[in-house]
Amino acid sequence: MKGVDVMQNNDESILKNYQKEYENVTMSEDAYRVMKARMEQGRKDKYLMKKKKLYISWIAATAAALTLIILPNTSNTIALAMGNIPVVGEFFKVVTFREYQYNDDRHVADVKVPEITVGNDVNNTIADTAKDTTDEINDEIKKLTDKWIDKFKANMEEEGYHNILIKSEVINTSENYFTLKLICFQAAGSGYEEHHYYTIDLNSGERVYLSDLFKEGSDYRKVISENIKAQMKEQMAADSNIIYWVDNKEYPEWNFKEIDEDATFYINADNEIVISFNEGEVAPSYMGVVEFVISNEVVSDMFK
């Protein structure tokens, strides 16, 4: 397609233009720093353009799907419904508590708000605890998704386009843990994405925070943080397109220092802790959501 070819040519020419300008002009020290920053921004812009293509593809696919569910006798494409999508796992089930969809010429919303329910196979001794846990999580999810929907509605009054996608998935149901992942994405010129994880201990029915996995008094935050910094440096050394805020002497206040006591995490299929950072938390926004797998060898002596 001609339009795609033009975008690709623009992608490839960004750095060349900055490089040519840099080589042909005699600059002061201040001008050199500005030009260097512009070249760096050009490289980032190239990645953002690639990312934007993915957003446009998602928007087109979502819009096409939403045309199939236009409600009769309405001027807008809006659907708001209570529903249920059955069963994930035996102890806990995930249903669609609320569905909000909207589509016009400039705005697209595809929102499916999940709700965790307690299954029939939960042990009676932990059923009450499990119910309290799911109520707490469901309330958090409702407040979060309501905030996203309200912001989407407010942005519809502005020029340009604004699109949101909210969905969920169960990423791991092991012998000990159930984890629900909530994905929230918006596009408005550029894109932004964040992930939220909700983990329940199947043996107790209680919600699991990172601190719950380690012995009291253990310095797990420092150990995990140093491992993450090492991974950041290793990735940057291997690929110049990867940037994290670590050992940045020009802007030391941006540097990642240490994870929070209850950092965002999940446990993968190999029973390893995965620390997740939302877009812009520990790296430039173009890096998106970033994750670091913490080998059990790193923290094994601190586990409960």
Protein backbone atom coordinates (compact mmCIF):
# COMPACT_ATOMS: atom_id res chain seq x y z
CA MET A 1 0.00 0.00 0.00
CA LYS A 2 1.27 3.49 -0.90
CA GLY A 3 0.47 4.97 2.52
CA VAL A 4 2.39 2.23 4.31
CA ASP A 5 5.39 2.69 1.99
CA VAL A 6 5.49 6.41 2.78
CA MET A 7 5.39 5.70 6.54
CA GLN A 8 8.20 3.16 6.22
CA ASN A 9 10.32 5.63 4.22
CA ASN A 10 9.71 8.25 6.91
CA ASP A 11 10.80 5.74 9.56
CA GLU A 12 14.07 5.06 7.78
CA SER A 13 14.83 8.70 7.00
CA ILE A 14 14.46 10.05 10.56
CA LEU A 15 17.93 9.12 11.78
CA LYS A 16 19.56 9.84 8.40
CA ASN A 17 18.30 13.42 8.42
CA TYR A 18 19.57 14.03 11.94
CA GLN A 19 22.91 12.39 11.13
CA LYS A 20 23.36 14.49 7.98
CA GLU A 21 22.56 17.66 9.86
CA TYR A 22 25.02 16.72 12.55
CA GLU A 23 27.87 16.03 10.11
CA ASN A 24 27.47 19.15 7.97
CA VAL A 25 27.13 21.84 10.61
CA THR A 26 29.77 23.25 12.91
CA MET A 27 28.22 23.45 16.33
CA SER A 28 28.97 24.88 19.71
CA GLU A 29 29.06 22.58 22.70
CA ASP A 30 25.48 23.50 23.62
CA ALA A 31 24.30 22.97 20.05
CA TYR A 32 26.05 19.60 20.00
CA ARG A 33 24.14 18.48 23.09
CA VAL A 34 20.85 19.61 21.50
CA MET A 35 21.63 17.79 18.26
CA LYS A 36 22.62 14.64 20.11
CA ALA A 37 19.32 14.74 21.97
CA ARG A 38 17.47 15.19 18.67
CA MET A 39 19.22 12.18 17.15
CA GLU A 40 18.29 10.15 20.20
CA GLN A 41 14.69 11.34 19.91
CA GLY A 42 14.70 10.39 16.25
CA ARG A 43 15.61 6.82 17.15
CA LYS A 44 12.80 6.74 19.70
CA ASP A 45 10.38 8.25 17.16
CA LYS A 46 11.16 5.38 14.83
CA TYR A 47 10.07 2.91 17.49
CA LEU A 48 7.00 4.97 18.32
CA MET A 49 5.95 4.93 14.68
CA LYS A 50 6.17 1.15 14.64
CA LYS A 51 4.15 1.05 17.83
CA LYS A 52 1.57 3.41 16.34
CA LYS A 53 1.07 1.06 13.39
CA LEU A 54 0.10 -1.66 15.87
CA TYR A 55 -2.36 0.72 17.53
CA ILE A 56 -3.93 1.58 14.16
CA SER A 57 -4.28 -2.11 13.34
CA TRP A 58 -5.99 -2.74 16.68
CA ILE A 59 -8.32 0.23 16.18
CA ALA A 60 -9.32 -0.99 12.72
CA ALA A 61 -9.91 -4.54 13.94
CA THR A 62 -11.91 -3.36 16.94
CA ALA A 63 -14.03 -1.01 14.86
CA ALA A 64 -14.80 -3.80 12.42
CA ALA A 65 -15.82 -6.10 15.24
CA LEU A 66 -18.01 -3.48 16.88
CA THR A 67 -20.00 -2.90 13.70
CA LEU A 68 -21.46 -6.35 14.27
CA ILE A 69 -23.08 -5.38 17.57
CA ILE A 70 -24.80 -2.09 16.78
CA LEU A 71 -27.91 -1.87 18.91
CA PRO A 72 -31.22 -1.12 17.15
CA ASN A 73 -32.92 2.25 17.70
CA THR A 74 -29.79 4.00 18.98
CA SER A 75 -27.82 6.84 17.43
CA ASN A 76 -24.50 5.65 18.87
CA THR A 77 -22.89 2.26 19.02
CA ILE A 78 -23.11 1.66 22.75
CA ALA A 79 -23.52 -1.59 24.61
CA LEU A 80 -23.64 -1.88 28.39
CA ALA A 81 -24.50 -5.28 29.72
CA MET A 82 -24.19 -7.70 32.56
CA GLY A 83 -22.96 -11.04 31.37
CA ASN A 84 -21.10 -14.10 32.26
CA ILE A 85 -18.35 -15.96 30.54
CA PRO A 86 -17.92 -19.26 32.26
CA VAL A 87 -15.44 -21.01 34.08
CA VAL A 88 -11.72 -20.66 34.39
CA GLY A 89 -10.32 -23.10 36.89
CA GLU A 90 -12.14 -25.00 39.64
CA PHE A 91 -11.60 -22.87 42.72
CA PHE A 92 -12.31 -19.49 41.16
CA LYS A 93 -14.27 -18.47 38.10
CA VAL A 94 -13.94 -15.35 35.99
CA VAL A 95 -17.07 -13.81 34.49
CA THR A 96 -17.62 -10.62 32.54
CA PHE A 97 -19.28 -8.38 35.10
CA ARG A 98 -19.73 -5.45 32.73
CA GLU A 99 -19.22 -4.80 29.05
CA TYR A 100 -18.92 -1.30 27.62
CA GLN A 101 -18.46 -0.76 23.89
CA TYR A 102 -18.57 2.41 21.84
CA ASN A 103 -17.73 3.25 18.25
CA ASP A 104 -18.06 6.43 16.22
CA ASP A 105 -15.89 8.11 13.62
CA ARG A 106 -13.21 9.13 16.11
CA HIS A 107 -13.55 7.01 19.25
CA VAL A 108 -13.51 3.30 19.99
CA ALA A 109 -13.98 1.60 23.35
CA ASP A 110 -13.79 -2.15 23.88
CA VAL A 111 -14.11 -2.81 27.60
CA LYS A 112 -14.81 -6.09 29.34
CA VAL A 113 -14.73 -5.76 33.12
CA PRO A 114 -13.94 -9.09 34.80
CA GLU A 115 -15.21 -10.35 38.12
CA ILE A 116 -13.76 -13.22 40.12
CA THR A 117 -16.30 -15.52 41.75
CA VAL A 118 -15.75 -18.32 44.22
CA GLY A 119 -16.23 -21.76 42.68
CA ASN A 120 -18.12 -24.67 44.20
CA ASP A 121 -14.92 -26.63 44.80
CA VAL A 122 -13.42 -24.20 47.30
CA ASN A 123 -12.91 -25.82 50.69
CA ASN A 124 -15.60 -24.77 53.16
CA THR A 125 -12.95 -23.76 55.69
CA ILE A 126 -11.60 -21.05 53.37
CA ALA A 127 -14.80 -20.14 51.50
CA ASP A 128 -15.53 -17.06 53.63
CA THR A 129 -11.96 -15.80 53.30
CA ALA A 130 -12.02 -16.41 49.55
CA LYS A 131 -15.29 -14.49 49.24
CA ASP A 132 -13.83 -11.52 51.15
CA THR A 133 -10.74 -11.63 48.93
CA THR A 134 -12.68 -11.68 45.67
CA ASP A 135 -14.95 -8.88 46.90
CA GLU A 136 -11.89 -6.73 47.61
CA ILE A 137 -10.31 -7.45 44.23
CA ASN A 138 -13.54 -6.98 42.31
CA ASP A 139 -14.09 -3.63 43.99
CA GLU A 140 -10.59 -2.48 42.98
CA ILE A 141 -11.15 -3.61 39.38
CA LYS A 142 -14.51 -1.82 39.23
CA LYS A 143 -13.07 1.46 40.49
CA LEU A 144 -10.11 1.24 38.11
CA THR A 145 -12.17 0.44 35.03
CA ASP A 146 -14.80 3.06 35.92
CA LYS A 147 -11.98 5.61 36.01
CA TRP A 148 -10.81 4.58 32.54
CA ILE A 149 -14.34 4.69 31.10
CA ASP A 150 -15.04 8.10 32.67
CA LYS A 151 -11.82 9.47 31.20
CA PHE A 152 -12.71 8.05 27.79
CA LYS A 153 -16.12 9.74 27.89
CA ALA A 154 -14.56 13.05 28.91
CA ASN A 155 -12.01 12.85 26.10
CA MET A 156 -14.76 12.37 23.52
CA GLU A 157 -15.42 16.10 23.85
CA GLU A 158 -11.92 16.89 22.61
CA GLU A 159 -10.56 16.93 19.07
CA GLY A 160 -8.68 13.97 17.68
CA TYR A 161 -9.30 10.34 18.49
CA HIS A 162 -9.26 8.45 21.75
CA ASN A 163 -9.50 4.69 22.08
CA ILE A 164 -9.41 2.30 25.01
CA LEU A 165 -9.15 -1.44 25.36
CA ILE A 166 -9.61 -3.27 28.65
CA LYS A 167 -9.50 -7.03 28.89
CA SER A 168 -8.33 -9.73 31.26
CA GLU A 169 -6.84 -13.19 31.25
CA VAL A 170 -5.90 -15.85 33.76
CA ILE A 171 -2.16 -16.15 33.32
CA ASN A 172 -1.44 -18.96 35.74
CA THR A 173 -3.50 -21.38 37.78
CA SER A 174 -1.08 -23.66 39.63
CA GLU A 175 -1.49 -25.88 42.66
CA ASN A 176 -0.98 -22.89 44.93
CA TYR A 177 -1.92 -19.70 43.11
CA PHE A 178 -4.63 -18.20 40.94
CA THR A 179 -3.67 -14.99 39.10
CA LEU A 180 -5.86 -12.66 37.08
CA LYS A 181 -4.19 -10.17 34.76
CA LEU A 182 -6.01 -6.96 33.83
CA ILE A 183 -4.78 -5.19 30.69
CA CYS A 184 -5.62 -1.51 30.17
CA PHE A 185 -4.62 0.24 26.95
CA GLN A 186 -5.39 3.65 25.48
CA ALA A 187 -4.42 5.35 22.23
CA ALA A 188 -4.69 9.08 21.63
CA GLY A 189 -1.99 10.13 19.21
CA SER A 190 0.43 7.88 21.08
CA GLY A 191 -0.39 4.86 23.19
CA TYR A 192 -0.21 3.96 26.85
CA GLU A 193 -0.57 0.55 28.50
CA GLU A 194 -0.62 -0.74 32.05
CA HIS A 195 -1.03 -4.19 33.57
CA HIS A 196 -2.50 -5.15 36.94
CA TYR A 197 -2.18 -8.54 38.62
CA TYR A 198 -4.38 -10.08 41.29
CA THR A 199 -3.11 -13.26 42.93
CA ILE A 200 -4.98 -15.51 45.37
CA ASP A 201 -3.48 -18.27 47.51
CA LEU A 202 -5.55 -21.38 46.79
CA ASN A 203 -4.60 -22.90 50.14
CA SER A 204 -5.90 -20.03 52.25
CA GLY A 205 -8.18 -17.99 50.01
CA GLU A 206 -6.16 -14.89 50.87
CA ARG A 207 -4.81 -12.33 48.46
CA VAL A 208 -1.07 -12.60 47.93
CA TYR A 209 1.23 -9.60 48.00
CA LEU A 210 4.92 -9.80 47.17
CA SER A 211 5.90 -9.37 50.81
CA ASP A 212 3.82 -12.43 51.74
CA LEU A 213 6.25 -14.72 49.90
CA PHE A 214 9.29 -13.87 52.03
CA LYS A 215 10.44 -14.34 55.58
CA GLU A 216 9.82 -11.45 57.90
CA GLY A 217 12.87 -9.22 58.12
CA SER A 218 14.43 -10.51 54.89
CA ASP A 219 15.87 -7.88 52.57
CA TYR A 220 14.02 -9.20 49.52
CA ARG A 221 13.38 -5.73 48.10
CA LYS A 222 17.06 -4.89 47.89
CA VAL A 223 18.05 -8.29 46.51
CA ILE A 224 15.35 -8.27 43.81
CA SER A 225 16.08 -4.64 42.93
CA GLU A 226 19.80 -5.27 42.46
CA ASN A 227 18.96 -8.24 40.23
CA ILE A 228 16.62 -6.06 38.16
CA LYS A 229 19.32 -3.39 37.78
CA ALA A 230 21.76 -6.05 36.59
CA GLN A 231 19.22 -7.27 34.03
CA MET A 232 18.62 -3.70 32.86
CA LYS A 233 22.32 -3.09 32.30
CA GLU A 234 22.74 -6.42 30.54
CA GLN A 235 19.85 -5.71 28.17
CA MET A 236 21.12 -2.20 27.39
CA ALA A 237 24.60 -3.51 26.68
CA ALA A 238 23.19 -6.07 24.27
CA ASP A 239 20.83 -3.72 22.40
CA SER A 240 21.31 0.04 21.98
CA ASN A 241 17.58 0.44 21.36
CA ILE A 242 16.81 -0.60 24.93
CA ILE A 243 16.91 2.12 27.57
CA TYR A 244 16.20 1.93 31.28
CA TRP A 245 16.56 4.58 33.92
CA VAL A 246 19.56 3.16 35.71
CA ASP A 247 22.98 4.79 36.27
CA ASN A 248 21.76 7.91 34.48
CA LYS A 249 24.19 10.61 35.58
CA GLU A 250 22.46 13.44 33.73
CA TYR A 251 19.10 12.82 35.42
CA PRO A 252 19.88 10.77 38.54
CA GLU A 253 16.45 11.50 40.00
CA TRP A 254 14.94 9.28 37.27
CA ASN A 255 17.04 6.26 38.18
CA PHE A 256 15.29 3.13 39.41
CA LYS A 257 16.28 2.60 43.01
CA GLU A 258 14.20 -0.11 44.64
CA ILE A 259 10.88 -1.90 44.21
CA ASP A 260 8.01 -1.07 46.54
CA GLU A 261 7.10 -3.37 49.40
CA ASP A 262 4.14 -4.68 47.43
CA ALA A 263 5.41 -4.28 43.88
CA THR A 264 3.36 -5.48 40.93
CA PHE A 265 4.20 -9.11 40.25
CA TYR A 266 2.96 -12.52 39.24
CA ILE A 267 4.28 -16.08 39.45
CA ASN A 268 4.93 -17.73 36.10
CA ALA A 269 4.50 -21.34 35.04
CA ASP A 270 8.04 -22.11 36.29
CA ASN A 271 7.13 -20.80 39.77
CA GLU A 272 9.40 -17.80 39.29
CA ILE A 273 8.52 -14.29 40.40
CA VAL A 274 8.02 -11.83 37.56
CA ILE A 275 8.19 -8.13 38.47
CA SER A 276 6.16 -5.90 36.16
CA PHE A 277 6.52 -2.14 35.60
CA ASN A 278 3.90 -0.13 33.77
CA GLU A 279 4.76 2.10 30.86
CA GLY A 280 7.01 4.99 31.88
CA GLU A 281 7.84 3.73 35.38
CA VAL A 282 11.45 2.61 34.89
CA ALA A 283 12.04 3.35 31.22
CA PRO A 284 10.96 5.77 28.49
CA SER A 285 7.34 5.29 27.48
CA TYR A 286 8.24 3.83 24.09
CA MET A 287 9.56 0.75 25.92
CA GLY A 288 6.01 -0.09 27.01
CA VAL A 289 5.27 -2.43 29.91
CA VAL A 290 8.49 -4.16 30.98
CA GLU A 291 8.96 -7.32 33.04
CA PHE A 292 11.87 -8.97 34.81
CA VAL A 293 11.95 -12.65 35.73
CA ILE A 294 13.63 -13.23 39.08
CA SER A 295 15.33 -16.60 39.17
CA ASN A 296 14.50 -18.67 42.24
CA GLU A 297 18.22 -18.97 42.89
CA VAL A 298 18.34 -15.24 43.59
CA VAL A 299 15.79 -15.32 46.42
CA SER A 300 15.48 -18.97 47.45
CA ASP A 301 17.02 -18.49 50.90
CA MET A 302 14.46 -15.77 51.72
CA PHE A 303 11.28 -17.65 50.82
CA LYS A 304 8.94 -18.65 53.63
